[in-house]
Amino acid sequence: MKFCAVKQYFDDENNNNITSGASTTMIPLPNVESHPLAILITYCKKHLKIKANNADNKKETEKEMEQYEQELLKKVMPQELTELILAANYLNFKEALDFFCRAVASAIQNKSIEFVRKFFGLESDFELGEEEKLREEFAWSFEGVDED
């Protein structure tokens, strides 16, 4: 029920008295691929388990969640982060959306344009001269940038 889009589907079905309580109800998720969905389900289950195990200790809960999230990020490829963000957004899963957006922001913070393009798999649409002119004109925006 953390996936608000899924929860809304069940709420609508229950209000219309269509469901019989069977667990075989198919929920259409046309904008979510299976791989990111599986990761989001695992993420949700792990968070619920951590919260249940540490219900009395908020600091321990936060520490264990942070450890789990760091381990998860080590397993996820940069291209998958974009898919996870899109899936979490479509499902309206706020906790995951916030987490994966923060992860992307941290990954590209203070990085060069080339790094960001490579991270997202983008090609420059500027001509060589145009980009150089912009780099000279806005040189201040490139100060302190990692050249990874």
N, C-alpha and C. Protein backbone atom coordinates (compact mmCIF):
# COMPACT_ATOMS: atom_id res chain seq x y z
N MET A 1 0.81 -1.20 0.00
CA MET A 1 0.00 0.00 0.00
C MET A 1 0.86 1.27 0.00
N LYS A 2 2.20 1.11 0.05
CA LYS A 2 3.09 2.27 -0.06
C LYS A 2 3.04 2.87 -1.46
N PHE A 3 2.69 2.03 -2.45
CA PHE A 3 2.56 2.51 -3.82
C PHE A 3 1.17 3.15 -3.94
N CYS A 4 1.11 4.46 -3.87
CA CYS A 4 -0.18 5.15 -3.85
C CYS A 4 -1.02 4.83 -5.08
N ALA A 5 -0.38 4.63 -6.23
CA ALA A 5 -1.13 4.30 -7.44
C ALA A 5 -1.83 2.95 -7.30
N VAL A 6 -1.16 1.99 -6.69
CA VAL A 6 -1.75 0.67 -6.47
C VAL A 6 -2.83 0.76 -5.41
N LYS A 7 -2.55 1.49 -4.35
CA LYS A 7 -3.53 1.66 -3.28
C LYS A 7 -4.80 2.29 -3.82
N GLN A 8 -4.66 3.29 -4.67
CA GLN A 8 -5.82 3.95 -5.27
C GLN A 8 -6.63 2.96 -6.11
N TYR A 9 -5.93 2.08 -6.81
CA TYR A 9 -6.61 1.06 -7.62
C TYR A 9 -7.49 0.18 -6.74
N PHE A 10 -6.93 -0.29 -5.63
CA PHE A 10 -7.70 -1.13 -4.71
C PHE A 10 -8.85 -0.36 -4.07
N ASP A 11 -8.60 0.90 -3.72
CA ASP A 11 -9.67 1.72 -3.15
C ASP A 11 -10.82 1.89 -4.15
N ASP A 12 -10.47 2.15 -5.40
CA ASP A 12 -11.50 2.30 -6.44
C ASP A 12 -12.26 1.00 -6.64
N GLU A 13 -11.54 -0.12 -6.68
CA GLU A 13 -12.17 -1.42 -6.87
C GLU A 13 -13.11 -1.75 -5.70
N ASN A 14 -12.66 -1.47 -4.49
CA ASN A 14 -13.49 -1.76 -3.31
C ASN A 14 -14.74 -0.88 -3.29
N ASN A 15 -14.58 0.37 -3.70
CA ASN A 15 -15.74 1.26 -3.73
C ASN A 15 -16.77 0.82 -4.77
N ASN A 16 -16.31 0.18 -5.83
CA ASN A 16 -17.21 -0.29 -6.88
C ASN A 16 -17.69 -1.72 -6.63
N ASN A 17 -17.23 -2.32 -5.53
CA ASN A 17 -17.60 -3.69 -5.16
C ASN A 17 -17.31 -4.70 -6.27
N ILE A 18 -16.22 -4.47 -6.98
CA ILE A 18 -15.87 -5.36 -8.08
C ILE A 18 -14.99 -6.50 -7.59
N THR A 19 -14.11 -6.22 -6.68
CA THR A 19 -13.18 -7.26 -6.24
C THR A 19 -13.85 -8.22 -5.28
N SER A 20 -13.40 -9.44 -5.34
CA SER A 20 -13.96 -10.45 -4.45
C SER A 20 -12.97 -10.80 -3.36
N GLY A 21 -11.92 -10.00 -3.25
CA GLY A 21 -10.91 -10.28 -2.24
C GLY A 21 -9.87 -11.27 -2.73
N ALA A 22 -9.95 -11.68 -3.97
CA ALA A 22 -9.00 -12.63 -4.52
C ALA A 22 -7.64 -11.96 -4.70
N SER A 23 -6.60 -12.73 -4.53
CA SER A 23 -5.25 -12.18 -4.65
C SER A 23 -4.75 -12.23 -6.09
N THR A 24 -5.61 -12.61 -7.03
CA THR A 24 -5.20 -12.71 -8.42
C THR A 24 -5.60 -11.49 -9.24
N THR A 25 -6.03 -10.42 -8.57
CA THR A 25 -6.41 -9.21 -9.27
C THR A 25 -5.18 -8.62 -9.95
N MET A 26 -5.28 -8.41 -11.26
CA MET A 26 -4.16 -7.82 -12.00
C MET A 26 -4.29 -6.31 -11.98
N ILE A 27 -3.19 -5.65 -11.71
CA ILE A 27 -3.17 -4.20 -11.66
C ILE A 27 -2.31 -3.72 -12.83
N PRO A 28 -2.89 -2.99 -13.75
CA PRO A 28 -2.11 -2.53 -14.90
C PRO A 28 -1.12 -1.44 -14.49
N LEU A 29 0.14 -1.65 -14.84
CA LEU A 29 1.19 -0.66 -14.58
C LEU A 29 1.97 -0.46 -15.89
N PRO A 30 1.36 0.20 -16.86
CA PRO A 30 1.96 0.29 -18.18
C PRO A 30 3.28 1.06 -18.23
N ASN A 31 3.53 1.94 -17.29
CA ASN A 31 4.74 2.77 -17.32
C ASN A 31 5.84 2.27 -16.40
N VAL A 32 5.72 1.02 -15.92
CA VAL A 32 6.71 0.49 -15.00
C VAL A 32 7.24 -0.83 -15.54
N GLU A 33 8.56 -0.88 -15.74
CA GLU A 33 9.21 -2.11 -16.18
C GLU A 33 9.33 -3.07 -15.00
N SER A 34 9.51 -4.35 -15.29
CA SER A 34 9.54 -5.36 -14.22
C SER A 34 10.76 -5.23 -13.32
N HIS A 35 11.93 -4.92 -13.87
CA HIS A 35 13.15 -4.84 -13.06
C HIS A 35 13.08 -3.73 -12.00
N PRO A 36 12.75 -2.48 -12.40
CA PRO A 36 12.64 -1.45 -11.37
C PRO A 36 11.51 -1.74 -10.38
N LEU A 37 10.43 -2.36 -10.85
CA LEU A 37 9.33 -2.70 -9.95
C LEU A 37 9.80 -3.70 -8.89
N ALA A 38 10.58 -4.68 -9.31
CA ALA A 38 11.10 -5.67 -8.36
C ALA A 38 12.01 -5.00 -7.32
N ILE A 39 12.84 -4.07 -7.75
CA ILE A 39 13.72 -3.35 -6.81
C ILE A 39 12.88 -2.51 -5.85
N LEU A 40 11.85 -1.84 -6.35
CA LEU A 40 11.00 -1.03 -5.48
C LEU A 40 10.23 -1.87 -4.48
N ILE A 41 9.78 -3.04 -4.89
CA ILE A 41 9.08 -3.94 -3.96
C ILE A 41 10.03 -4.40 -2.87
N THR A 42 11.24 -4.78 -3.26
CA THR A 42 12.25 -5.19 -2.28
C THR A 42 12.59 -4.05 -1.33
N TYR A 43 12.75 -2.86 -1.87
CA TYR A 43 13.04 -1.66 -1.08
C TYR A 43 11.92 -1.44 -0.05
N CYS A 44 10.69 -1.53 -0.49
CA CYS A 44 9.55 -1.32 0.40
C CYS A 44 9.49 -2.39 1.50
N LYS A 45 9.67 -3.64 1.11
CA LYS A 45 9.64 -4.74 2.09
C LYS A 45 10.74 -4.57 3.14
N LYS A 46 11.92 -4.20 2.68
CA LYS A 46 13.05 -4.02 3.60
C LYS A 46 12.77 -2.87 4.58
N HIS A 47 12.24 -1.79 4.07
CA HIS A 47 11.92 -0.66 4.95
C HIS A 47 10.88 -1.05 5.98
N LEU A 48 9.87 -1.76 5.57
CA LEU A 48 8.84 -2.19 6.52
C LEU A 48 9.41 -3.14 7.58
N LYS A 49 10.30 -4.03 7.14
CA LYS A 49 10.93 -4.97 8.07
C LYS A 49 11.81 -4.23 9.08
N ILE A 50 12.58 -3.27 8.59
CA ILE A 50 13.46 -2.50 9.48
C ILE A 50 12.62 -1.71 10.48
N LYS A 51 11.55 -1.10 10.02
CA LYS A 51 10.69 -0.33 10.92
C LYS A 51 10.05 -1.24 11.96
N ALA A 52 9.65 -2.44 11.56
CA ALA A 52 9.02 -3.37 12.50
C ALA A 52 10.02 -3.87 13.54
N ASN A 53 11.26 -4.13 13.11
CA ASN A 53 12.28 -4.64 14.02
C ASN A 53 12.77 -3.60 15.02
N ASN A 54 12.69 -2.34 14.65
CA ASN A 54 13.21 -1.26 15.51
C ASN A 54 12.12 -0.26 15.85
N ALA A 55 10.92 -0.72 16.08
CA ALA A 55 9.79 0.16 16.32
C ALA A 55 10.02 1.12 17.48
N ASP A 56 10.78 0.70 18.47
CA ASP A 56 10.97 1.52 19.67
C ASP A 56 12.19 2.45 19.58
N ASN A 57 13.06 2.23 18.60
CA ASN A 57 14.30 2.98 18.54
C ASN A 57 14.43 3.67 17.18
N LYS A 58 14.04 4.94 17.12
CA LYS A 58 14.04 5.69 15.87
C LYS A 58 15.45 5.86 15.29
N LYS A 59 16.43 6.12 16.17
CA LYS A 59 17.81 6.29 15.69
C LYS A 59 18.35 5.01 15.06
N GLU A 60 18.06 3.88 15.70
CA GLU A 60 18.51 2.59 15.16
C GLU A 60 17.82 2.30 13.82
N THR A 61 16.56 2.65 13.72
CA THR A 61 15.81 2.47 12.47
C THR A 61 16.45 3.28 11.36
N GLU A 62 16.72 4.55 11.61
CA GLU A 62 17.34 5.42 10.61
C GLU A 62 18.72 4.91 10.21
N LYS A 63 19.50 4.46 11.19
CA LYS A 63 20.85 3.95 10.91
C LYS A 63 20.78 2.70 10.03
N GLU A 64 19.90 1.77 10.36
CA GLU A 64 19.78 0.53 9.60
C GLU A 64 19.25 0.81 8.18
N MET A 65 18.31 1.74 8.06
CA MET A 65 17.80 2.10 6.73
C MET A 65 18.89 2.73 5.88
N GLU A 66 19.67 3.59 6.49
CA GLU A 66 20.76 4.23 5.75
C GLU A 66 21.77 3.19 5.27
N GLN A 67 22.10 2.22 6.12
CA GLN A 67 23.02 1.16 5.72
C GLN A 67 22.45 0.37 4.55
N TYR A 68 21.16 0.01 4.65
CA TYR A 68 20.52 -0.74 3.56
C TYR A 68 20.54 0.08 2.27
N GLU A 69 20.20 1.36 2.35
CA GLU A 69 20.16 2.20 1.16
C GLU A 69 21.53 2.34 0.52
N GLN A 70 22.58 2.46 1.33
CA GLN A 70 23.94 2.55 0.78
C GLN A 70 24.33 1.26 0.07
N GLU A 71 23.97 0.11 0.64
CA GLU A 71 24.24 -1.17 0.00
C GLU A 71 23.47 -1.30 -1.31
N LEU A 72 22.23 -0.84 -1.31
CA LEU A 72 21.41 -0.88 -2.52
C LEU A 72 22.04 -0.04 -3.62
N LEU A 73 22.51 1.14 -3.29
CA LEU A 73 23.11 2.02 -4.29
C LEU A 73 24.37 1.42 -4.90
N LYS A 74 25.08 0.60 -4.15
CA LYS A 74 26.27 -0.07 -4.69
C LYS A 74 25.90 -1.08 -5.77
N LYS A 75 24.68 -1.63 -5.68
CA LYS A 75 24.23 -2.66 -6.62
C LYS A 75 23.53 -2.08 -7.84
N VAL A 76 23.08 -0.84 -7.75
CA VAL A 76 22.29 -0.24 -8.82
C VAL A 76 23.19 0.56 -9.77
N MET A 77 23.00 0.33 -11.05
CA MET A 77 23.76 1.06 -12.07
C MET A 77 23.16 2.46 -12.25
N PRO A 78 23.96 3.44 -12.67
CA PRO A 78 23.43 4.80 -12.86
C PRO A 78 22.21 4.85 -13.78
N GLN A 79 22.20 4.07 -14.84
CA GLN A 79 21.06 4.07 -15.76
C GLN A 79 19.80 3.55 -15.07
N GLU A 80 19.97 2.64 -14.13
CA GLU A 80 18.82 2.10 -13.40
C GLU A 80 18.20 3.14 -12.47
N LEU A 81 18.99 4.07 -11.98
CA LEU A 81 18.46 5.11 -11.09
C LEU A 81 17.37 5.91 -11.78
N THR A 82 17.59 6.22 -13.05
CA THR A 82 16.58 6.95 -13.80
C THR A 82 15.29 6.14 -13.91
N GLU A 83 15.42 4.85 -14.21
CA GLU A 83 14.25 3.98 -14.31
C GLU A 83 13.53 3.87 -12.96
N LEU A 84 14.30 3.79 -11.89
CA LEU A 84 13.71 3.70 -10.55
C LEU A 84 12.97 4.98 -10.18
N ILE A 85 13.53 6.12 -10.55
CA ILE A 85 12.87 7.39 -10.28
C ILE A 85 11.56 7.48 -11.06
N LEU A 86 11.59 7.10 -12.32
CA LEU A 86 10.37 7.14 -13.13
C LEU A 86 9.31 6.18 -12.58
N ALA A 87 9.73 4.99 -12.18
CA ALA A 87 8.78 4.01 -11.63
C ALA A 87 8.21 4.49 -10.30
N ALA A 88 9.07 4.98 -9.42
CA ALA A 88 8.60 5.47 -8.11
C ALA A 88 7.66 6.66 -8.29
N ASN A 89 7.96 7.50 -9.26
CA ASN A 89 7.09 8.64 -9.54
C ASN A 89 5.73 8.16 -10.05
N TYR A 90 5.73 7.23 -10.99
CA TYR A 90 4.47 6.71 -11.54
C TYR A 90 3.62 6.04 -10.46
N LEU A 91 4.30 5.29 -9.59
CA LEU A 91 3.60 4.59 -8.51
C LEU A 91 3.25 5.50 -7.35
N ASN A 92 3.78 6.72 -7.39
CA ASN A 92 3.56 7.69 -6.33
C ASN A 92 4.08 7.15 -4.99
N PHE A 93 5.29 6.61 -5.04
CA PHE A 93 5.96 6.02 -3.87
C PHE A 93 6.98 7.06 -3.38
N LYS A 94 6.51 7.96 -2.53
CA LYS A 94 7.28 9.13 -2.12
C LYS A 94 8.62 8.81 -1.48
N GLU A 95 8.66 7.85 -0.55
CA GLU A 95 9.93 7.54 0.13
C GLU A 95 11.01 7.13 -0.87
N ALA A 96 10.66 6.24 -1.79
CA ALA A 96 11.62 5.77 -2.78
C ALA A 96 11.99 6.89 -3.75
N LEU A 97 11.01 7.66 -4.17
CA LEU A 97 11.28 8.77 -5.08
C LEU A 97 12.25 9.75 -4.46
N ASP A 98 12.02 10.13 -3.22
CA ASP A 98 12.93 11.04 -2.52
C ASP A 98 14.33 10.45 -2.42
N PHE A 99 14.40 9.18 -2.03
CA PHE A 99 15.71 8.53 -1.86
C PHE A 99 16.49 8.48 -3.17
N PHE A 100 15.86 8.02 -4.25
CA PHE A 100 16.57 7.87 -5.52
C PHE A 100 16.91 9.23 -6.14
N CYS A 101 16.07 10.23 -5.94
CA CYS A 101 16.40 11.58 -6.41
C CYS A 101 17.60 12.14 -5.66
N ARG A 102 17.63 11.92 -4.34
CA ARG A 102 18.80 12.36 -3.55
C ARG A 102 20.06 11.63 -4.02
N ALA A 103 19.92 10.35 -4.35
CA ALA A 103 21.08 9.57 -4.80
C ALA A 103 21.63 10.14 -6.11
N VAL A 104 20.75 10.49 -7.05
CA VAL A 104 21.19 11.07 -8.31
C VAL A 104 21.81 12.43 -8.07
N ALA A 105 21.19 13.24 -7.24
CA ALA A 105 21.72 14.57 -6.94
C ALA A 105 23.12 14.47 -6.33
N SER A 106 23.32 13.52 -5.42
CA SER A 106 24.63 13.33 -4.81
C SER A 106 25.65 12.85 -5.83
N ALA A 107 25.22 12.00 -6.74
CA ALA A 107 26.14 11.44 -7.73
C ALA A 107 26.63 12.49 -8.72
N ILE A 108 25.81 13.47 -9.05
CA ILE A 108 26.22 14.46 -10.05
C ILE A 108 26.62 15.80 -9.45
N GLN A 109 26.55 15.92 -8.12
CA GLN A 109 26.91 17.18 -7.47
C GLN A 109 28.38 17.50 -7.73
N ASN A 110 28.64 18.73 -8.15
CA ASN A 110 30.00 19.24 -8.43
C ASN A 110 30.73 18.44 -9.50
N LYS A 111 30.00 17.82 -10.41
CA LYS A 111 30.63 17.05 -11.49
C LYS A 111 30.63 17.87 -12.77
N SER A 112 31.51 17.51 -13.66
CA SER A 112 31.62 18.21 -14.93
C SER A 112 30.44 17.88 -15.84
N ILE A 113 30.29 18.70 -16.85
CA ILE A 113 29.23 18.47 -17.83
C ILE A 113 29.44 17.12 -18.50
N GLU A 114 30.67 16.79 -18.79
CA GLU A 114 30.98 15.52 -19.45
C GLU A 114 30.56 14.34 -18.57
N PHE A 115 30.83 14.44 -17.28
CA PHE A 115 30.45 13.38 -16.36
C PHE A 115 28.93 13.21 -16.33
N VAL A 116 28.21 14.32 -16.25
CA VAL A 116 26.75 14.27 -16.19
C VAL A 116 26.19 13.68 -17.48
N ARG A 117 26.75 14.09 -18.61
CA ARG A 117 26.30 13.53 -19.89
C ARG A 117 26.52 12.02 -19.93
N LYS A 118 27.69 11.60 -19.48
CA LYS A 118 28.00 10.16 -19.48
C LYS A 118 27.08 9.43 -18.50
N PHE A 119 26.84 10.02 -17.33
CA PHE A 119 26.00 9.41 -16.30
C PHE A 119 24.59 9.13 -16.83
N PHE A 120 24.03 10.10 -17.56
CA PHE A 120 22.67 9.95 -18.08
C PHE A 120 22.63 9.41 -19.51
N GLY A 121 23.79 9.17 -20.10
CA GLY A 121 23.83 8.65 -21.47
C GLY A 121 23.37 9.67 -22.49
N LEU A 122 23.79 10.92 -22.32
CA LEU A 122 23.37 12.00 -23.21
C LEU A 122 24.51 12.43 -24.11
N GLU A 123 24.15 12.92 -25.28
CA GLU A 123 25.13 13.50 -26.18
C GLU A 123 24.91 15.00 -26.22
N SER A 124 25.97 15.72 -26.44
CA SER A 124 25.87 17.17 -26.52
C SER A 124 25.15 17.56 -27.81
N ASP A 125 24.24 18.52 -27.72
CA ASP A 125 23.56 19.00 -28.93
C ASP A 125 24.13 20.35 -29.35
N PHE A 126 25.22 20.76 -28.70
CA PHE A 126 25.91 21.98 -29.09
C PHE A 126 26.97 21.65 -30.12
N GLU A 127 27.22 22.62 -30.99
CA GLU A 127 28.37 22.50 -31.87
C GLU A 127 29.59 22.87 -31.05
N LEU A 128 30.75 22.40 -31.44
CA LEU A 128 31.96 22.60 -30.66
C LEU A 128 32.20 24.08 -30.33
N GLY A 129 32.05 24.94 -31.28
CA GLY A 129 32.27 26.36 -31.06
C GLY A 129 31.26 26.97 -30.10
N GLU A 130 30.01 26.54 -30.18
CA GLU A 130 28.97 27.07 -29.30
C GLU A 130 29.27 26.73 -27.84
N GLU A 131 29.63 25.50 -27.60
CA GLU A 131 29.90 25.08 -26.23
C GLU A 131 31.11 25.80 -25.65
N GLU A 132 32.16 25.95 -26.43
CA GLU A 132 33.35 26.66 -25.96
C GLU A 132 33.03 28.12 -25.63
N LYS A 133 32.20 28.74 -26.46
CA LYS A 133 31.81 30.13 -26.22
C LYS A 133 31.04 30.25 -24.90
N LEU A 134 30.14 29.32 -24.65
CA LEU A 134 29.38 29.33 -23.40
C LEU A 134 30.28 29.06 -22.19
N ARG A 135 31.26 28.18 -22.37
CA ARG A 135 32.20 27.90 -21.27
C ARG A 135 33.01 29.15 -20.92
N GLU A 136 33.39 29.91 -21.92
CA GLU A 136 34.14 31.15 -21.66
C GLU A 136 33.24 32.21 -21.04
N GLU A 137 32.03 32.35 -21.57
CA GLU A 137 31.10 33.38 -21.09
C GLU A 137 30.66 33.13 -19.65
N PHE A 138 30.49 31.86 -19.30
CA PHE A 138 30.02 31.51 -17.96
C PHE A 138 31.07 30.69 -17.21
N ALA A 139 32.31 31.12 -17.30
CA ALA A 139 33.42 30.41 -16.69
C ALA A 139 33.23 30.23 -15.18
N TRP A 140 32.58 31.20 -14.54
CA TRP A 140 32.34 31.12 -13.10
C TRP A 140 31.54 29.88 -12.72
N SER A 141 30.69 29.40 -13.61
CA SER A 141 29.85 28.24 -13.27
C SER A 141 30.62 26.93 -13.33
N PHE A 142 31.83 26.96 -13.87
CA PHE A 142 32.64 25.75 -13.97
C PHE A 142 33.73 25.69 -12.90
N GLU A 143 33.78 26.70 -12.03
CA GLU A 143 34.77 26.72 -10.97
C GLU A 143 34.42 25.71 -9.89
N GLY A 144 35.40 24.98 -9.41
CA GLY A 144 35.20 24.02 -8.33
C GLY A 144 34.49 22.74 -8.76
N VAL A 145 34.46 22.50 -10.06
CA VAL A 145 33.79 21.32 -10.58
C VAL A 145 34.79 20.17 -10.69
N ASP A 146 34.38 18.99 -10.23
CA ASP A 146 35.24 17.81 -10.37
C ASP A 146 35.30 17.42 -11.84
N GLU A 147 36.47 17.06 -12.29
CA GLU A 147 36.66 16.70 -13.70
C GLU A 147 36.61 15.19 -13.92
N ASP A 148 35.89 14.44 -13.09
CA ASP A 148 35.82 12.98 -13.19
C ASP A 148 35.48 12.52 -14.56
